[in-house]
Amino acid sequence: MNGILDRWNNQSLARQFLIAGGLVSIAAMMLIGAYVTSLIEAAVTRNSAASTALYVDSIIAPLLPDMKTNKTLDDVTTRALDETFGQGALGGKVVSFRLWRQDGTVLYATDKSMAGRQFEPSHDLKTAFSGQMVAQFGPADDLESEAERATGSPLLEIYNPILQPWSGEVVAVSEFYEVADDFQQSLHQAQLRSWLAVAGVTLAFFLLLSAIVFRGSQTIDSQRQALTQRVAELSSLLAQNRALHARAQRASQRATALNESYLRRLGADLHDGPAQLVAYAALRVDSKLLTDPKTSPKAREKEVTTIKSRLDEAMDEIRSICSGLVLPQIETAELPDVLERAVNAHRQRTGLDVDLSMSNASQSLSPSAKISIYRFVQEALNNGFRHGGGIGQSVRQTFEDGHVVIEVADRGPGFDPASVRPEGLGLAGLRERIESLGGTFDISTSQDGTTVRMSLNVQEMEQA
């Protein structure tokens, strides 16, 4: 049962209406058609019987005696009736004729074997004695109508009350059967027309409603498809928002730790580099070579030169550290300029050559994207120089399906990613920076070299 209901509910509104409405329309058409044809049959039968009864009554009424005082028919009346139904105008129209008394006695019958016999008054006979004419089309079912049933012809059975002229009292009932070939044909035509009319009206009404329902169903289906598509789009956007929210939360949670890591790294660079050189110079300033008056000018000059060299080295390292911290003016620069500045800065700092390959396509980027790309190239080149010796370094930029893709590669010995600490090589900072903008960050490494790859969706960043 549930399976049938599920299949029914899965059907479209138009198909449900077509099935249910079609069945209801057919049932209604059958009921209305049967009712209308029964009314037509009754009306046609009564009208035809009334005209026939009036015609028969006009012929036989003058032949009958006063049925109020005469309980039987004399021979003269009987012969007149025989001639009327045998040779007169009624001979070919009326199959049989009987004249009834109220107690069920047959006063006269064209079938002589029925005359004088008494039967139990039927319902139709009683109705006729109450003053109403009774007409019935179809096979005769009375006990006394065996001969009429044997004819096999369509017959119209009529019970017509005979009234006393001056009192209007029913004194007898005439029963006769009319040959109804023409009547049957007319009745069938009337029934056929009524069925056609009912079927035509029902079909037109059903087609009109079907057109309205089909149009409404199409509207509902189109709206349902649009709503489904909209829900799917909203679900996709919601999933993207959740992913971006998770990235933002993760970036926010690690921002402090990464900043601390950067500060420790900066402190270590200052401590291990410029601070050591300055400390060395400070110690040499207090050396005996400078404080002892007996020191020769040549030795003193050599010591001062050594101190000056260490201080120059410290200043060079401080400038190098500062140049890595301060960004050039890249907010208004195009992507090729950003890449060239990052690569040229690395070339000047290391003295090594870096191969740069860029796409000819042009795409505008937000300042945050340009900063991320600059820092990505800067950090990836620095890592390749520190840990891979800067061998065969290259930078490659392309556009793929609306994404800007940057790859920084080298041909160093590679490393094991599992052995690297989360904060090591600056990879954590790079990953967080790229993923916070909705991009992707990947590393592939082997003994033949390392490739660091980033990708940003330009369209999504423009919408944001």
Protein backbone atom coordinates (compact mmCIF):
# COMPACT_ATOMS: atom_id res chain seq x y z
CA MET A 1 0.00 0.00 0.00
CA ASN A 2 2.83 2.39 0.89
CA GLY A 3 4.53 1.57 -2.40
CA ILE A 4 1.40 2.54 -4.34
CA LEU A 5 1.08 5.79 -2.38
CA ASP A 6 4.75 6.59 -2.96
CA ARG A 7 4.41 6.00 -6.71
CA TRP A 8 1.26 8.13 -6.74
CA ASN A 9 2.95 10.97 -4.83
CA ASN A 10 5.92 10.84 -7.19
CA GLN A 11 3.65 11.58 -10.15
CA SER A 12 3.32 15.16 -11.35
CA LEU A 13 0.23 17.19 -10.48
CA ALA A 14 -0.92 17.12 -14.10
CA ARG A 15 -0.66 13.33 -14.31
CA GLN A 16 -2.48 12.88 -11.01
CA PHE A 17 -5.30 15.09 -12.27
CA LEU A 18 -5.35 13.29 -15.62
CA ILE A 19 -5.81 9.93 -13.90
CA ALA A 20 -8.13 10.92 -11.06
CA GLY A 21 -10.06 13.51 -13.08
CA GLY A 22 -10.45 11.10 -15.99
CA LEU A 23 -11.92 8.39 -13.76
CA VAL A 24 -14.24 10.84 -12.03
CA SER A 25 -15.31 12.35 -15.36
CA ILE A 26 -16.07 8.92 -16.82
CA ALA A 27 -18.07 7.93 -13.73
CA ALA A 28 -19.96 11.24 -13.78
CA MET A 29 -20.63 10.90 -17.51
CA MET A 30 -22.02 7.39 -17.03
CA LEU A 31 -24.28 8.45 -14.15
CA ILE A 32 -25.53 11.61 -15.84
CA GLY A 33 -25.93 9.86 -19.19
CA ALA A 34 -27.91 7.02 -17.64
CA TYR A 35 -30.12 9.46 -15.75
CA VAL A 36 -30.72 11.69 -18.78
CA THR A 37 -31.47 8.77 -21.10
CA SER A 38 -33.89 7.31 -18.55
CA LEU A 39 -35.71 10.64 -18.41
CA ILE A 40 -35.77 10.84 -22.20
CA GLU A 41 -37.01 7.26 -22.51
CA ALA A 42 -39.77 7.90 -19.97
CA ALA A 43 -40.82 11.15 -21.64
CA VAL A 44 -40.79 9.73 -25.17
CA THR A 45 -42.63 6.60 -24.06
CA ARG A 46 -45.33 8.60 -22.27
CA ASN A 47 -45.82 11.03 -25.15
CA SER A 48 -45.99 8.28 -27.75
CA ALA A 49 -48.32 6.20 -25.57
CA ALA A 50 -50.58 9.17 -24.89
CA SER A 51 -51.03 9.89 -28.58
CA THR A 52 -51.66 6.20 -29.37
CA ALA A 53 -54.07 5.83 -26.45
CA LEU A 54 -56.01 8.90 -27.54
CA TYR A 55 -56.24 7.51 -31.06
CA VAL A 56 -57.39 4.07 -29.90
CA ASP A 57 -59.83 5.53 -27.43
CA SER A 58 -61.40 7.73 -30.11
CA ILE A 59 -62.13 4.61 -32.19
CA ILE A 60 -63.36 2.12 -29.60
CA ALA A 61 -65.18 4.48 -27.23
CA PRO A 62 -68.22 4.84 -29.52
CA LEU A 63 -68.47 1.05 -29.79
CA LEU A 64 -68.66 0.35 -26.04
CA PRO A 65 -71.93 0.33 -24.09
CA ASP A 66 -72.41 1.95 -20.72
CA MET A 67 -69.77 0.00 -18.77
CA LYS A 68 -71.20 1.25 -15.50
CA THR A 69 -74.43 -0.68 -15.94
CA ASN A 70 -73.25 -3.45 -18.29
CA LYS A 71 -70.77 -5.84 -16.74
CA THR A 72 -70.36 -7.81 -19.97
CA LEU A 73 -70.24 -7.09 -23.67
CA ASP A 74 -72.98 -8.24 -25.99
CA ASP A 75 -72.35 -10.01 -29.29
CA VAL A 76 -72.88 -6.87 -31.36
CA THR A 77 -70.16 -4.97 -29.46
CA THR A 78 -67.83 -7.95 -29.63
CA ARG A 79 -68.25 -8.29 -33.41
CA ALA A 80 -67.69 -4.55 -33.86
CA LEU A 81 -64.49 -4.74 -31.90
CA ASP A 82 -63.36 -7.79 -33.85
CA GLU A 83 -63.90 -5.97 -37.11
CA THR A 84 -62.13 -2.87 -35.80
CA PHE A 85 -59.00 -4.72 -34.71
CA GLY A 86 -59.08 -7.19 -37.56
CA GLN A 87 -59.82 -5.07 -40.59
CA GLY A 88 -59.86 -1.44 -39.51
CA ALA A 89 -57.10 1.10 -39.11
CA LEU A 90 -55.97 -0.48 -35.86
CA GLY A 91 -55.37 -3.88 -37.40
CA GLY A 92 -51.78 -3.25 -38.43
CA LYS A 93 -50.96 -0.95 -35.53
CA VAL A 94 -52.18 -2.93 -32.51
CA VAL A 95 -50.84 -6.48 -31.98
CA SER A 96 -53.35 -7.38 -29.29
CA PHE A 97 -56.08 -5.71 -27.31
CA ARG A 98 -57.77 -6.53 -23.98
CA LEU A 99 -60.57 -4.85 -22.09
CA TRP A 100 -60.35 -5.25 -18.31
CA ARG A 101 -62.84 -5.06 -15.51
CA GLN A 102 -61.62 -3.82 -12.14
CA ASP A 103 -61.71 -7.29 -10.55
CA GLY A 104 -59.17 -8.57 -13.13
CA THR A 105 -61.69 -10.15 -15.52
CA VAL A 106 -60.96 -9.89 -19.23
CA LEU A 107 -64.18 -8.58 -20.86
CA TYR A 108 -62.77 -8.69 -24.37
CA ALA A 109 -59.53 -9.82 -26.02
CA THR A 110 -58.38 -10.20 -29.59
CA ASP A 111 -57.07 -13.56 -28.40
CA LYS A 112 -60.39 -15.34 -27.83
CA SER A 113 -58.84 -17.76 -25.37
CA MET A 114 -58.30 -14.87 -22.94
CA ALA A 115 -61.90 -13.59 -22.94
CA GLY A 116 -63.77 -14.23 -19.70
CA ARG A 117 -60.67 -15.27 -17.76
CA GLN A 118 -59.86 -13.62 -14.50
CA PHE A 119 -56.33 -12.75 -13.28
CA GLU A 120 -54.86 -11.14 -10.23
CA PRO A 121 -54.82 -7.41 -11.02
CA SER A 122 -51.26 -6.31 -11.74
CA HIS A 123 -49.68 -3.12 -10.45
CA ASP A 124 -50.04 -1.44 -13.86
CA LEU A 125 -53.72 -2.43 -14.02
CA LYS A 126 -54.39 -1.01 -10.57
CA THR A 127 -52.62 2.20 -11.53
CA ALA A 128 -54.75 2.53 -14.65
CA PHE A 129 -57.98 2.03 -12.63
CA SER A 130 -56.80 4.88 -10.40
CA GLY A 131 -57.08 7.14 -13.45
CA GLN A 132 -53.49 7.23 -14.72
CA MET A 133 -52.31 5.98 -18.04
CA VAL A 134 -49.44 3.46 -17.85
CA ALA A 135 -46.98 2.89 -20.69
CA GLN A 136 -44.00 0.54 -20.81
CA PHE A 137 -41.57 -0.23 -23.59
CA GLY A 138 -39.88 -3.59 -23.55
CA PRO A 139 -40.66 -7.28 -23.21
CA ALA A 140 -44.06 -8.04 -21.66
CA ASP A 141 -43.74 -9.70 -18.25
CA ASP A 142 -47.43 -10.14 -17.28
CA LEU A 143 -48.85 -13.66 -16.88
CA GLU A 144 -51.52 -12.95 -19.46
CA SER A 145 -49.00 -11.65 -22.05
CA GLU A 146 -47.51 -14.97 -23.15
CA ALA A 147 -48.65 -14.54 -26.76
CA GLU A 148 -47.17 -11.05 -26.95
CA ARG A 149 -43.82 -12.29 -25.63
CA ALA A 150 -43.78 -14.94 -28.33
CA THR A 151 -43.85 -12.35 -31.15
CA GLY A 152 -40.27 -11.26 -30.40
CA SER A 153 -41.03 -7.78 -31.72
CA PRO A 154 -40.45 -4.55 -29.81
CA LEU A 155 -43.79 -3.65 -28.26
CA LEU A 156 -45.21 -0.65 -26.47
CA GLU A 157 -47.59 -1.81 -23.73
CA ILE A 158 -50.29 0.73 -22.81
CA TYR A 159 -52.91 0.65 -20.04
CA ASN A 160 -55.49 3.35 -20.73
CA PRO A 161 -58.40 4.06 -18.33
CA ILE A 162 -61.87 4.29 -19.92
CA LEU A 163 -63.96 7.01 -18.31
CA GLN A 164 -67.70 7.39 -18.05
CA PRO A 165 -68.42 10.55 -20.13
CA TRP A 166 -70.81 12.30 -17.74
CA SER A 167 -69.14 11.35 -14.42
CA GLY A 168 -65.49 10.91 -15.36
CA GLU A 169 -65.40 7.67 -13.37
CA VAL A 170 -63.05 4.88 -14.53
CA VAL A 171 -65.35 2.04 -15.61
CA ALA A 172 -62.83 -0.15 -17.48
CA VAL A 173 -59.23 -0.29 -18.66
CA SER A 174 -58.08 -1.03 -22.16
CA GLU A 175 -54.72 -2.81 -22.56
CA PHE A 176 -53.13 -3.00 -25.95
CA TYR A 177 -49.69 -3.64 -27.45
CA GLU A 178 -48.45 -1.42 -30.24
CA VAL A 179 -45.80 -2.47 -32.74
CA ALA A 180 -42.88 -0.16 -31.79
CA ASP A 181 -40.33 -0.51 -34.58
CA ASP A 182 -40.38 3.19 -35.42
CA PHE A 183 -40.66 4.08 -31.75
CA GLN A 184 -37.60 1.95 -30.92
CA GLN A 185 -35.57 3.61 -33.66
CA SER A 186 -36.60 7.09 -32.51
CA LEU A 187 -35.84 6.18 -28.90
CA HIS A 188 -32.40 4.86 -29.78
CA GLN A 189 -31.61 8.01 -31.74
CA ALA A 190 -32.71 10.18 -28.84
CA GLN A 191 -30.62 8.12 -26.41
CA LEU A 192 -27.60 8.27 -28.72
CA ARG A 193 -27.90 12.05 -29.03
CA SER A 194 -28.22 12.41 -25.29
CA TRP A 195 -25.13 10.24 -24.71
CA LEU A 196 -23.19 12.22 -27.31
CA ALA A 197 -24.27 15.51 -25.75
CA VAL A 198 -23.31 14.36 -22.24
CA ALA A 199 -19.99 12.95 -23.48
CA GLY A 200 -19.22 16.13 -25.44
CA VAL A 201 -19.98 18.44 -22.50
CA THR A 202 -18.00 16.22 -20.11
CA LEU A 203 -15.05 16.01 -22.49
CA ALA A 204 -15.02 19.77 -23.12
CA PHE A 205 -15.21 20.46 -19.39
CA PHE A 206 -12.45 17.94 -18.66
CA LEU A 207 -10.20 19.31 -21.42
CA LEU A 208 -10.69 22.87 -20.15
CA LEU A 209 -9.80 21.86 -16.60
CA SER A 210 -6.90 19.76 -17.89
CA ALA A 211 -5.50 22.76 -19.77
CA ILE A 212 -5.71 24.89 -16.64
CA VAL A 213 -4.16 22.17 -14.46
CA PHE A 214 -1.42 21.41 -17.00
CA ARG A 215 -0.51 25.06 -17.20
CA GLY A 216 -0.47 25.33 -13.42
CA SER A 217 1.54 22.11 -13.18
CA GLN A 218 4.13 23.43 -15.64
CA THR A 219 4.38 26.64 -13.63
CA ILE A 220 4.79 24.67 -10.42
CA ASP A 221 7.37 22.36 -12.01
CA SER A 222 9.39 25.28 -13.36
CA GLN A 223 9.22 27.03 -10.00
CA ARG A 224 10.15 23.79 -8.25
CA GLN A 225 13.16 23.33 -10.56
CA ALA A 226 14.21 26.93 -10.05
CA LEU A 227 13.79 26.52 -6.28
CA THR A 228 15.75 23.25 -6.32
CA GLN A 229 18.52 24.89 -8.32
CA ARG A 230 18.47 27.85 -5.96
CA VAL A 231 18.65 25.55 -2.93
CA ALA A 232 21.55 23.68 -4.52
CA GLU A 233 23.35 26.97 -5.18
CA LEU A 234 22.69 28.15 -1.64
CA SER A 235 23.88 24.81 -0.26
CA SER A 236 27.07 25.12 -2.32
CA LEU A 237 27.58 28.68 -1.12
CA LEU A 238 26.90 27.58 2.44
CA ALA A 239 29.50 24.83 2.12
CA GLN A 240 31.99 27.33 0.72
CA ASN A 241 31.18 29.77 3.51
CA ARG A 242 31.72 27.04 6.07
CA ALA A 243 35.05 26.14 4.51
CA LEU A 244 36.10 29.80 4.40
CA HIS A 245 34.91 30.27 7.97
CA ALA A 246 36.95 27.27 9.06
CA ARG A 247 39.99 28.66 7.27
CA ALA A 248 39.46 32.07 8.84
CA GLN A 249 39.13 30.53 12.29
CA ARG A 250 42.23 28.45 11.76
CA ALA A 251 44.15 31.47 10.46
CA SER A 252 42.94 33.56 13.39
CA GLN A 253 43.92 30.90 15.92
CA ARG A 254 47.41 30.54 14.45
CA ALA A 255 48.00 34.23 13.74
CA THR A 256 49.46 34.91 17.16
CA ALA A 257 51.66 31.82 17.07
CA LEU A 258 52.93 32.66 13.61
CA ASN A 259 53.64 36.25 14.59
CA GLU A 260 55.57 34.99 17.57
CA SER A 261 57.44 32.63 15.26
CA TYR A 262 58.28 35.51 12.94
CA LEU A 263 59.46 37.59 15.88
CA ARG A 264 61.62 34.75 17.20
CA ARG A 265 63.04 34.23 13.75
CA LEU A 266 63.76 37.95 13.39
CA GLY A 267 65.35 37.96 16.85
CA ALA A 268 67.44 34.94 15.99
CA ASP A 269 68.56 36.54 12.73
CA LEU A 270 69.55 39.74 14.57
CA HIS A 271 71.20 37.82 17.40
CA ASP A 272 73.11 35.39 15.20
CA GLY A 273 74.12 37.96 12.61
CA PRO A 274 74.40 41.71 13.30
CA ALA A 275 74.46 41.34 17.09
CA GLN A 276 77.43 38.96 16.99
CA LEU A 277 79.33 41.23 14.63
CA VAL A 278 78.59 44.33 16.74
CA ALA A 279 79.58 42.45 19.89
CA TYR A 280 82.81 41.35 18.22
CA ALA A 281 83.52 44.95 17.19
CA ALA A 282 82.77 46.16 20.72
CA LEU A 283 85.25 43.69 22.19
CA ARG A 284 87.93 44.72 19.72
CA VAL A 285 87.38 48.36 20.62
CA ASP A 286 88.57 47.58 24.16
CA SER A 287 91.51 45.54 22.93
CA LYS A 288 95.08 46.44 24.03
CA LEU A 289 96.01 47.18 20.46
CA LEU A 290 93.87 50.31 20.66
CA THR A 291 94.35 51.20 24.33
CA ASP A 292 98.07 50.54 24.65
CA PRO A 293 100.11 53.64 23.73
CA LYS A 294 103.00 51.44 22.74
CA THR A 295 101.01 49.89 19.88
CA SER A 296 102.43 50.78 16.53
CA PRO A 297 100.31 52.93 14.23
CA LYS A 298 100.28 50.23 11.61
CA ALA A 299 98.88 47.59 14.01
CA ARG A 300 96.36 50.07 15.37
CA GLU A 301 95.20 50.96 11.84
CA LYS A 302 94.83 47.29 11.01
CA GLU A 303 92.68 46.72 14.13
CA VAL A 304 90.46 49.69 13.31
CA THR A 305 90.05 48.35 9.79
CA THR A 306 88.98 44.97 11.15
CA ILE A 307 86.43 46.57 13.51
CA LYS A 308 85.09 48.72 10.67
CA SER A 309 84.71 45.64 8.44
CA ARG A 310 82.72 43.81 11.13
CA LEU A 311 80.45 46.84 11.61
CA ASP A 312 79.93 47.12 7.83
CA GLU A 313 78.99 43.45 7.75
CA ALA A 314 76.50 44.02 10.56
CA MET A 315 74.96 46.96 8.70
CA ASP A 316 74.70 44.91 5.51
CA GLU A 317 72.88 42.15 7.36
CA ILE A 318 70.55 44.65 9.05
CA ARG A 319 69.72 46.18 5.66
CA SER A 320 69.11 42.69 4.24
CA ILE A 321 66.74 41.86 7.09
CA CYS A 322 64.92 45.18 6.66
CA SER A 323 64.59 44.72 2.93
CA GLY A 324 62.85 41.40 3.58
CA LEU A 325 60.44 43.00 6.04
CA VAL A 326 59.48 46.06 4.03
CA LEU A 327 57.21 45.55 0.99
CA PRO A 328 57.79 47.52 -2.19
CA GLN A 329 54.94 49.56 -3.67
CA ILE A 330 52.94 46.71 -5.20
CA GLU A 331 49.32 47.77 -4.52
CA THR A 332 49.10 49.60 -7.85
CA ALA A 333 51.47 47.28 -9.73
CA GLU A 334 50.31 44.59 -12.16
CA LEU A 335 50.98 40.90 -11.55
CA PRO A 336 54.06 40.72 -13.89
CA ASP A 337 55.63 43.68 -12.04
CA VAL A 338 54.99 42.00 -8.67
CA LEU A 339 56.69 38.81 -9.81
CA GLU A 340 59.65 40.66 -11.37
CA ARG A 341 60.21 42.70 -8.17
CA ALA A 342 60.19 39.57 -5.99
CA VAL A 343 62.57 37.73 -8.33
CA ASN A 344 64.92 40.73 -8.78
CA ALA A 345 65.09 41.26 -5.01
CA HIS A 346 66.15 37.65 -4.58
CA ARG A 347 68.70 37.94 -7.36
CA GLN A 348 70.25 41.01 -5.73
CA ARG A 349 70.29 39.41 -2.30
CA THR A 350 71.79 36.07 -3.33
CA GLY A 351 73.60 36.85 -6.55
CA LEU A 352 71.99 33.80 -8.17
CA ASP A 353 69.95 33.71 -11.35
CA VAL A 354 66.24 32.78 -11.22
CA ASP A 355 64.28 31.76 -14.32
CA LEU A 356 60.94 33.66 -14.57
CA SER A 357 58.09 32.51 -16.85
CA MET A 358 54.79 34.43 -17.00
CA SER A 359 51.52 34.10 -18.88
CA ASN A 360 50.62 36.66 -21.53
CA ALA A 361 47.04 36.92 -20.21
CA SER A 362 46.24 39.90 -18.01
CA GLN A 363 44.07 39.71 -14.91
CA SER A 364 43.41 42.35 -12.24
CA LEU A 365 44.04 41.25 -8.66
CA SER A 366 43.21 42.68 -5.27
CA PRO A 367 46.02 44.20 -3.14
CA SER A 368 45.77 41.31 -0.66
CA ALA A 369 46.27 38.81 -3.49
CA LYS A 370 49.31 40.71 -4.78
CA ILE A 371 50.86 40.83 -1.31
CA SER A 372 50.24 37.10 -0.83
CA ILE A 373 51.82 36.31 -4.21
CA TYR A 374 54.86 38.52 -3.45
CA ARG A 375 55.38 36.95 -0.01
CA PHE A 376 54.86 33.47 -1.47
CA VAL A 377 57.53 33.95 -4.14
CA GLN A 378 59.87 35.68 -1.66
CA GLU A 379 59.57 32.98 1.03
CA ALA A 380 59.65 30.06 -1.41
CA LEU A 381 62.84 31.41 -3.07
CA ASN A 382 64.42 32.02 0.33
CA ASN A 383 63.60 28.48 1.46
CA GLY A 384 65.01 27.08 -1.77
CA PHE A 385 68.19 29.10 -1.29
CA ARG A 386 68.65 28.16 2.38
CA HIS A 387 67.78 24.50 2.21
CA GLY A 388 68.37 23.59 -1.45
CA GLY A 389 71.38 25.70 -2.24
CA GLY A 390 69.44 27.80 -4.76
CA ILE A 391 70.19 25.30 -7.51
CA GLY A 392 68.11 25.77 -10.67
CA GLN A 393 65.50 28.04 -9.08
CA SER A 394 62.56 29.10 -11.27
CA VAL A 395 59.23 30.90 -10.98
CA ARG A 396 56.34 30.07 -13.31
CA GLN A 397 52.97 31.86 -13.47
CA THR A 398 49.87 30.65 -15.44
CA PHE A 399 46.07 31.05 -15.56
CA GLU A 400 44.01 27.85 -15.33
CA ASP A 401 40.16 27.91 -15.37
CA GLY A 402 39.89 31.29 -13.70
CA HIS A 403 42.69 30.55 -11.21
CA VAL A 404 46.05 32.29 -11.04
CA VAL A 405 48.72 29.64 -10.41
CA ILE A 406 52.29 30.33 -9.16
CA GLU A 407 54.95 27.62 -9.00
CA VAL A 408 58.39 28.08 -7.40
CA ALA A 409 60.78 25.19 -8.11
CA ASP A 410 64.40 24.22 -7.59
CA ARG A 411 66.62 21.27 -8.37
CA GLY A 412 67.97 20.80 -4.88
CA PRO A 413 68.17 17.53 -2.95
CA GLY A 414 64.60 17.83 -1.64
CA PHE A 415 63.44 16.95 1.87
CA ASP A 416 61.05 14.73 3.79
CA PRO A 417 57.85 16.72 4.51
CA ALA A 418 57.05 14.47 7.47
CA SER A 419 60.30 15.47 9.20
CA VAL A 420 59.64 19.20 8.94
CA ARG A 421 58.20 20.96 11.97
CA PRO A 422 54.87 22.76 11.40
CA GLU A 423 56.55 26.12 11.79
CA GLY A 424 59.65 25.16 9.81
CA LEU A 425 60.74 26.62 6.46
CA GLY A 426 58.03 29.28 6.73
CA LEU A 427 55.60 26.78 5.19
CA ALA A 428 52.95 27.28 7.85
CA GLY A 429 52.85 31.00 7.23
CA LEU A 430 52.64 30.53 3.49
CA ARG A 431 49.85 27.98 3.78
CA GLU A 432 47.81 30.11 6.15
CA ARG A 433 48.27 33.23 4.02
CA ILE A 434 47.10 31.49 0.84
CA GLU A 435 44.25 29.50 2.39
CA SER A 436 42.91 32.58 4.20
CA LEU A 437 42.18 34.00 0.73
CA GLY A 438 40.37 30.82 -0.34
CA GLY A 439 43.32 29.48 -2.33
CA THR A 440 45.22 26.19 -2.29
CA PHE A 441 48.81 25.44 -1.29
CA ASP A 442 50.75 22.31 -2.30
CA ILE A 443 54.31 21.01 -1.97
CA SER A 444 55.88 18.23 -4.00
CA THR A 445 59.45 17.18 -3.29
CA SER A 446 61.88 14.46 -4.28
CA GLN A 447 65.61 13.93 -4.66
CA ASP A 448 65.38 15.74 -7.99
CA GLY A 449 64.04 18.95 -6.50
CA THR A 450 61.11 20.70 -4.81
CA THR A 451 58.09 22.53 -6.23
CA VAL A 452 55.87 24.81 -4.14
CA ARG A 453 52.54 25.63 -5.80
CA MET A 454 49.76 28.09 -4.95
CA SER A 455 46.40 28.78 -6.66
CA LEU A 456 43.88 31.60 -6.17
CA ASN A 457 40.36 31.85 -7.62
CA VAL A 458 40.33 35.28 -9.23
CA GLN A 459 36.54 35.40 -9.72
CA GLU A 460 35.76 34.53 -6.09
CA MET A 461 38.19 37.16 -4.86
CA GLU A 462 36.57 39.80 -7.11
CA GLN A 463 33.09 38.91 -5.75
CA ALA A 464 34.40 39.05 -2.19
